[in-house]
Each structure stands twice: as C-alpha cells, then as structure tokens.
PDB file of all heavy atoms in Angstrom:
ATOM      1  N   ILE A   1      -2.434 -18.068   6.799  1.00  0.00           N
ATOM      2  CA  ILE A   1      -1.243 -17.220   6.775  1.00  0.00           C
ATOM      3  C   ILE A   1      -0.928 -16.772   5.353  1.00  0.00           C
ATOM      4  O   ILE A   1      -0.535 -15.627   5.109  1.00  0.00           O
ATOM      5  CB  ILE A   1      -0.045 -17.964   7.394  1.00  0.00           C
ATOM      6  CG1 ILE A   1      -0.248 -18.115   8.904  1.00  0.00           C
ATOM      7  CG2 ILE A   1       1.244 -17.212   7.133  1.00  0.00           C
ATOM      8  CD1 ILE A   1      -0.347 -16.796   9.653  1.00  0.00           C
ATOM      9  N   ARG A   2      -1.121 -17.663   4.378  1.00  0.00           N
ATOM     10  CA  ARG A   2      -0.871 -17.303   2.977  1.00  0.00           C
ATOM     11  C   ARG A   2      -1.826 -16.193   2.522  1.00  0.00           C
ATOM     12  O   ARG A   2      -1.447 -15.282   1.802  1.00  0.00           O
ATOM     13  CB  ARG A   2      -1.026 -18.538   2.077  1.00  0.00           C
ATOM     14  CG  ARG A   2       0.033 -19.598   2.289  1.00  0.00           C
ATOM     15  CD  ARG A   2       1.414 -19.052   2.017  1.00  0.00           C
ATOM     16  NE  ARG A   2       2.443 -20.067   2.250  1.00  0.00           N
ATOM     17  CZ  ARG A   2       3.740 -19.811   2.237  1.00  0.00           C
ATOM     18  NH1 ARG A   2       4.168 -18.575   2.022  1.00  0.00           N
ATOM     19  NH2 ARG A   2       4.610 -20.783   2.465  1.00  0.00           N
ATOM     20  N   ILE A   3      -3.074 -16.309   2.942  1.00  0.00           N
ATOM     21  CA  ILE A   3      -4.050 -15.268   2.590  1.00  0.00           C
ATOM     22  C   ILE A   3      -3.649 -13.941   3.237  1.00  0.00           C
ATOM     23  O   ILE A   3      -3.681 -12.886   2.594  1.00  0.00           O
ATOM     24  CB  ILE A   3      -5.462 -15.682   3.039  1.00  0.00           C
ATOM     25  CG1 ILE A   3      -5.938 -16.884   2.221  1.00  0.00           C
ATOM     26  CG2 ILE A   3      -6.437 -14.512   2.895  1.00  0.00           C
ATOM     27  CD1 ILE A   3      -7.261 -17.469   2.696  1.00  0.00           C
ATOM     28  N   LEU A   4      -3.233 -13.998   4.509  1.00  0.00           N
ATOM     29  CA  LEU A   4      -2.794 -12.791   5.205  1.00  0.00           C
ATOM     30  C   LEU A   4      -1.576 -12.190   4.516  1.00  0.00           C
ATOM     31  O   LEU A   4      -1.475 -10.966   4.370  1.00  0.00           O
ATOM     32  CB  LEU A   4      -2.468 -13.120   6.663  1.00  0.00           C
ATOM     33  CG  LEU A   4      -1.909 -11.960   7.512  1.00  0.00           C
ATOM     34  CD1 LEU A   4      -2.907 -10.810   7.566  1.00  0.00           C
ATOM     35  CD2 LEU A   4      -1.557 -12.439   8.915  1.00  0.00           C
ATOM     36  N   GLN A   5      -0.696 -13.053   4.079  1.00  0.00           N
ATOM     37  CA  GLN A   5       0.499 -12.590   3.380  1.00  0.00           C
ATOM     38  C   GLN A   5       0.118 -11.815   2.114  1.00  0.00           C
ATOM     39  O   GLN A   5       0.654 -10.741   1.833  1.00  0.00           O
ATOM     40  CB  GLN A   5       1.384 -13.789   3.031  1.00  0.00           C
ATOM     41  CG  GLN A   5       2.795 -13.432   2.606  1.00  0.00           C
ATOM     42  CD  GLN A   5       3.621 -14.679   2.367  1.00  0.00           C
ATOM     43  OE1 GLN A   5       3.118 -15.720   1.934  1.00  0.00           O
ATOM     44  NE2 GLN A   5       4.896 -14.593   2.659  1.00  0.00           N
ATOM     45  N   GLY A   6      -0.831 -12.349   1.367  1.00  0.00           N
ATOM     46  CA  GLY A   6      -1.288 -11.673   0.151  1.00  0.00           C
ATOM     47  C   GLY A   6      -1.960 -10.348   0.455  1.00  0.00           C
ATOM     48  O   GLY A   6      -1.751  -9.349  -0.249  1.00  0.00           O
ATOM     49  N   LEU A   7      -2.763 -10.332   1.521  1.00  0.00           N
ATOM     50  CA  LEU A   7      -3.443  -9.086   1.897  1.00  0.00           C
ATOM     51  C   LEU A   7      -2.440  -8.016   2.330  1.00  0.00           C
ATOM     52  O   LEU A   7      -2.616  -6.833   2.023  1.00  0.00           O
ATOM     53  CB  LEU A   7      -4.435  -9.357   3.032  1.00  0.00           C
ATOM     54  CG  LEU A   7      -5.686 -10.168   2.661  1.00  0.00           C
ATOM     55  CD1 LEU A   7      -6.503 -10.478   3.910  1.00  0.00           C
ATOM     56  CD2 LEU A   7      -6.537  -9.405   1.646  1.00  0.00           C
ATOM     57  N   LEU A   8      -1.399  -8.422   3.037  1.00  0.00           N
ATOM     58  CA  LEU A   8      -0.389  -7.465   3.475  1.00  0.00           C
ATOM     59  C   LEU A   8       0.391  -6.889   2.296  1.00  0.00           C
ATOM     60  O   LEU A   8       0.720  -5.697   2.278  1.00  0.00           O
ATOM     61  CB  LEU A   8       0.573  -8.115   4.470  1.00  0.00           C
ATOM     62  CG  LEU A   8      -0.017  -8.475   5.836  1.00  0.00           C
ATOM     63  CD1 LEU A   8       1.017  -9.183   6.702  1.00  0.00           C
ATOM     64  CD2 LEU A   8      -0.537  -7.226   6.541  1.00  0.00           C
ATOM     65  N   VAL A   9       0.679  -7.727   1.317  1.00  0.00           N
ATOM     66  CA  VAL A   9       1.353  -7.233   0.110  1.00  0.00           C
ATOM     67  C   VAL A   9       0.468  -6.219  -0.606  1.00  0.00           C
ATOM     68  O   VAL A   9       0.910  -5.131  -0.988  1.00  0.00           O
ATOM     69  CB  VAL A   9       1.718  -8.398  -0.830  1.00  0.00           C
ATOM     70  CG1 VAL A   9       2.184  -7.859  -2.191  1.00  0.00           C
ATOM     71  CG2 VAL A   9       2.805  -9.271  -0.205  1.00  0.00           C
ATOM     72  N   PHE A  10      -0.816  -6.563  -0.764  1.00  0.00           N
ATOM     73  CA  PHE A  10      -1.757  -5.643  -1.400  1.00  0.00           C
ATOM     74  C   PHE A  10      -1.881  -4.348  -0.595  1.00  0.00           C
ATOM     75  O   PHE A  10      -1.886  -3.244  -1.157  1.00  0.00           O
ATOM     76  CB  PHE A  10      -3.122  -6.310  -1.532  1.00  0.00           C
ATOM     77  CG  PHE A  10      -4.203  -5.370  -1.992  1.00  0.00           C
ATOM     78  CD1 PHE A  10      -4.277  -4.950  -3.312  1.00  0.00           C
ATOM     79  CD2 PHE A  10      -5.148  -4.890  -1.083  1.00  0.00           C
ATOM     80  CE1 PHE A  10      -5.266  -4.069  -3.724  1.00  0.00           C
ATOM     81  CE2 PHE A  10      -6.142  -4.022  -1.483  1.00  0.00           C
ATOM     82  CZ  PHE A  10      -6.205  -3.608  -2.807  1.00  0.00           C
ATOM     83  N   GLY A  11      -1.964  -4.483   0.722  1.00  0.00           N
ATOM     84  CA  GLY A  11      -2.087  -3.305   1.584  1.00  0.00           C
ATOM     85  C   GLY A  11      -0.902  -2.378   1.462  1.00  0.00           C
ATOM     86  O   GLY A  11      -1.060  -1.145   1.434  1.00  0.00           O
ATOM     87  N   ASN A  12       0.284  -2.938   1.348  1.00  0.00           N
ATOM     88  CA  ASN A  12       1.480  -2.109   1.208  1.00  0.00           C
ATOM     89  C   ASN A  12       1.570  -1.460  -0.168  1.00  0.00           C
ATOM     90  O   ASN A  12       2.124  -0.366  -0.301  1.00  0.00           O
ATOM     91  CB  ASN A  12       2.735  -2.934   1.499  1.00  0.00           C
ATOM     92  CG  ASN A  12       3.024  -3.041   2.986  1.00  0.00           C
ATOM     93  OD1 ASN A  12       3.450  -2.088   3.616  1.00  0.00           O
ATOM     94  ND2 ASN A  12       2.774  -4.219   3.551  1.00  0.00           N
ATOM     95  N   VAL A  13       1.043  -2.124  -1.172  1.00  0.00           N
ATOM     96  CA  VAL A  13       0.980  -1.500  -2.503  1.00  0.00           C
ATOM     97  C   VAL A  13       0.109  -0.247  -2.441  1.00  0.00           C
ATOM     98  O   VAL A  13       0.456   0.811  -2.974  1.00  0.00           O
ATOM     99  CB  VAL A  13       0.436  -2.491  -3.551  1.00  0.00           C
ATOM    100  CG1 VAL A  13       0.137  -1.770  -4.867  1.00  0.00           C
ATOM    101  CG2 VAL A  13       1.437  -3.619  -3.796  1.00  0.00           C
ATOM    102  N   VAL A  14      -1.036  -0.362  -1.768  1.00  0.00           N
ATOM    103  CA  VAL A  14      -1.931   0.787  -1.599  1.00  0.00           C
ATOM    104  C   VAL A  14      -1.238   1.892  -0.807  1.00  0.00           C
ATOM    105  O   VAL A  14      -1.332   3.078  -1.159  1.00  0.00           O
ATOM    106  CB  VAL A  14      -3.239   0.367  -0.905  1.00  0.00           C
ATOM    107  CG1 VAL A  14      -4.107   1.591  -0.597  1.00  0.00           C
ATOM    108  CG2 VAL A  14      -4.005  -0.626  -1.767  1.00  0.00           C
ATOM    109  N   ILE A  15      -0.535   1.530   0.263  1.00  0.00           N
ATOM    110  CA  ILE A  15       0.189   2.524   1.070  1.00  0.00           C
ATOM    111  C   ILE A  15       1.225   3.251   0.221  1.00  0.00           C
ATOM    112  O   ILE A  15       1.380   4.479   0.308  1.00  0.00           O
ATOM    113  CB  ILE A  15       0.857   1.854   2.283  1.00  0.00           C
ATOM    114  CG1 ILE A  15      -0.192   1.432   3.304  1.00  0.00           C
ATOM    115  CG2 ILE A  15       1.868   2.798   2.939  1.00  0.00           C
ATOM    116  CD1 ILE A  15       0.373   0.657   4.480  1.00  0.00           C
ATOM    117  N   GLY A  16       1.934   2.512  -0.610  1.00  0.00           N
ATOM    118  CA  GLY A  16       2.937   3.129  -1.474  1.00  0.00           C
ATOM    119  C   GLY A  16       2.323   4.127  -2.440  1.00  0.00           C
ATOM    120  O   GLY A  16       2.845   5.235  -2.634  1.00  0.00           O
ATOM    121  N   MET A  17       1.202   3.753  -3.061  1.00  0.00           N
ATOM    122  CA  MET A  17       0.536   4.668  -3.986  1.00  0.00           C
ATOM    123  C   MET A  17      -0.008   5.894  -3.254  1.00  0.00           C
ATOM    124  O   MET A  17       0.068   7.024  -3.763  1.00  0.00           O
ATOM    125  CB  MET A  17      -0.591   3.940  -4.720  1.00  0.00           C
ATOM    126  CG  MET A  17      -0.110   2.867  -5.676  1.00  0.00           C
ATOM    127  SD  MET A  17      -1.426   2.204  -6.724  1.00  0.00           S
ATOM    128  CE  MET A  17      -2.463   1.416  -5.479  1.00  0.00           C
ATOM    129  N   CYS A  18      -0.542   5.682  -2.051  1.00  0.00           N
ATOM    130  CA  CYS A  18      -1.043   6.808  -1.251  1.00  0.00           C
ATOM    131  C   CYS A  18       0.102   7.736  -0.850  1.00  0.00           C
ATOM    132  O   CYS A  18      -0.080   8.957  -0.795  1.00  0.00           O
ATOM    133  CB  CYS A  18      -1.754   6.297  -0.007  1.00  0.00           C
ATOM    134  SG  CYS A  18      -3.360   5.537  -0.328  1.00  0.00           S
ATOM    135  N   GLY A  19       1.258   7.154  -0.566  1.00  0.00           N
ATOM    136  CA  GLY A  19       2.420   7.976  -0.217  1.00  0.00           C
ATOM    137  C   GLY A  19       2.829   8.891  -1.356  1.00  0.00           C
ATOM    138  O   GLY A  19       3.126  10.070  -1.149  1.00  0.00           O
ATOM    139  N   ILE A  20       2.830   8.349  -2.575  1.00  0.00           N
ATOM    140  CA  ILE A  20       3.163   9.169  -3.745  1.00  0.00           C
ATOM    141  C   ILE A  20       2.132  10.277  -3.927  1.00  0.00           C
ATOM    142  O   ILE A  20       2.475  11.436  -4.192  1.00  0.00           O
ATOM    143  CB  ILE A  20       3.229   8.288  -5.007  1.00  0.00           C
ATOM    144  CG1 ILE A  20       4.397   7.290  -4.903  1.00  0.00           C
ATOM    145  CG2 ILE A  20       3.393   9.151  -6.261  1.00  0.00           C
ATOM    146  CD1 ILE A  20       4.449   6.289  -6.020  1.00  0.00           C
ATOM    147  N   ALA A  21       0.851   9.930  -3.778  1.00  0.00           N
ATOM    148  CA  ALA A  21      -0.214  10.918  -3.937  1.00  0.00           C
ATOM    149  C   ALA A  21      -0.122  12.006  -2.867  1.00  0.00           C
ATOM    150  O   ALA A  21      -0.311  13.196  -3.154  1.00  0.00           O
ATOM    151  CB  ALA A  21      -1.578  10.228  -3.874  1.00  0.00           C
ATOM    152  N   LEU A  22       0.166  11.612  -1.619  1.00  0.00           N
ATOM    153  CA  LEU A  22       0.287  12.581  -0.532  1.00  0.00           C
ATOM    154  C   LEU A  22       1.447  13.539  -0.782  1.00  0.00           C
ATOM    155  O   LEU A  22       1.320  14.754  -0.570  1.00  0.00           O
ATOM    156  CB  LEU A  22       0.499  11.843   0.795  1.00  0.00           C
ATOM    157  CG  LEU A  22       0.675  12.728   2.048  1.00  0.00           C
ATOM    158  CD1 LEU A  22      -0.587  13.541   2.311  1.00  0.00           C
ATOM    159  CD2 LEU A  22       1.028  11.874   3.255  1.00  0.00           C
ATOM    160  N   THR A  23       2.563  13.002  -1.250  1.00  0.00           N
ATOM    161  CA  THR A  23       3.720  13.842  -1.555  1.00  0.00           C
ATOM    162  C   THR A  23       3.385  14.843  -2.647  1.00  0.00           C
ATOM    163  O   THR A  23       3.704  16.031  -2.541  1.00  0.00           O
ATOM    164  CB  THR A  23       4.915  12.968  -1.989  1.00  0.00           C
ATOM    165  OG1 THR A  23       5.289  12.102  -0.917  1.00  0.00           O
ATOM    166  CG2 THR A  23       6.101  13.831  -2.375  1.00  0.00           C
ATOM    167  N   ALA A  24       2.719  14.369  -3.709  1.00  0.00           N
ATOM    168  CA  ALA A  24       2.351  15.255  -4.814  1.00  0.00           C
ATOM    169  C   ALA A  24       1.404  16.364  -4.344  1.00  0.00           C
ATOM    170  O   ALA A  24       1.565  17.533  -4.707  1.00  0.00           O
ATOM    171  CB  ALA A  24       1.703  14.447  -5.928  1.00  0.00           C
ATOM    172  N   GLU A  25       0.425  15.994  -3.515  1.00  0.00           N
ATOM    173  CA  GLU A  25      -0.534  16.981  -3.011  1.00  0.00           C
ATOM    174  C   GLU A  25       0.163  18.039  -2.163  1.00  0.00           C
ATOM    175  O   GLU A  25      -0.104  19.244  -2.312  1.00  0.00           O
ATOM    176  CB  GLU A  25      -1.605  16.282  -2.176  1.00  0.00           C
ATOM    177  CG  GLU A  25      -2.640  17.227  -1.592  1.00  0.00           C
ATOM    178  CD  GLU A  25      -3.597  16.542  -0.630  1.00  0.00           C
ATOM    179  OE1 GLU A  25      -3.237  15.494  -0.079  1.00  0.00           O
ATOM    180  OE2 GLU A  25      -4.696  17.084  -0.438  1.00  0.00           O
ATOM    181  N   CYS A  26       1.048  17.611  -1.287  1.00  0.00           N
ATOM    182  CA  CYS A  26       1.728  18.547  -0.400  1.00  0.00           C
ATOM    183  C   CYS A  26       2.726  19.428  -1.156  1.00  0.00           C
ATOM    184  O   CYS A  26       2.894  20.611  -0.824  1.00  0.00           O
ATOM    185  CB  CYS A  26       2.433  17.794   0.725  1.00  0.00           C
ATOM    186  SG  CYS A  26       1.293  17.005   1.891  1.00  0.00           S
TER     187      CYS A  26
END
C-alpha cells in the first residue's frame, strides 16, 4: 500500500504537469 501510495502521488504530479502543458497548447 505504501508503494501504491507513492506511485499515486507521482502519477498525480505527472497529471498536473500535463494539465498545465495541455492548457498552454490549447
């Protein structure tokens, strides 16, 4: 569960950066 927790945090960091990039592109 701790490993999953870390992966989810990392995954959301990537989602946040992708969101900023998508907004800039659009």
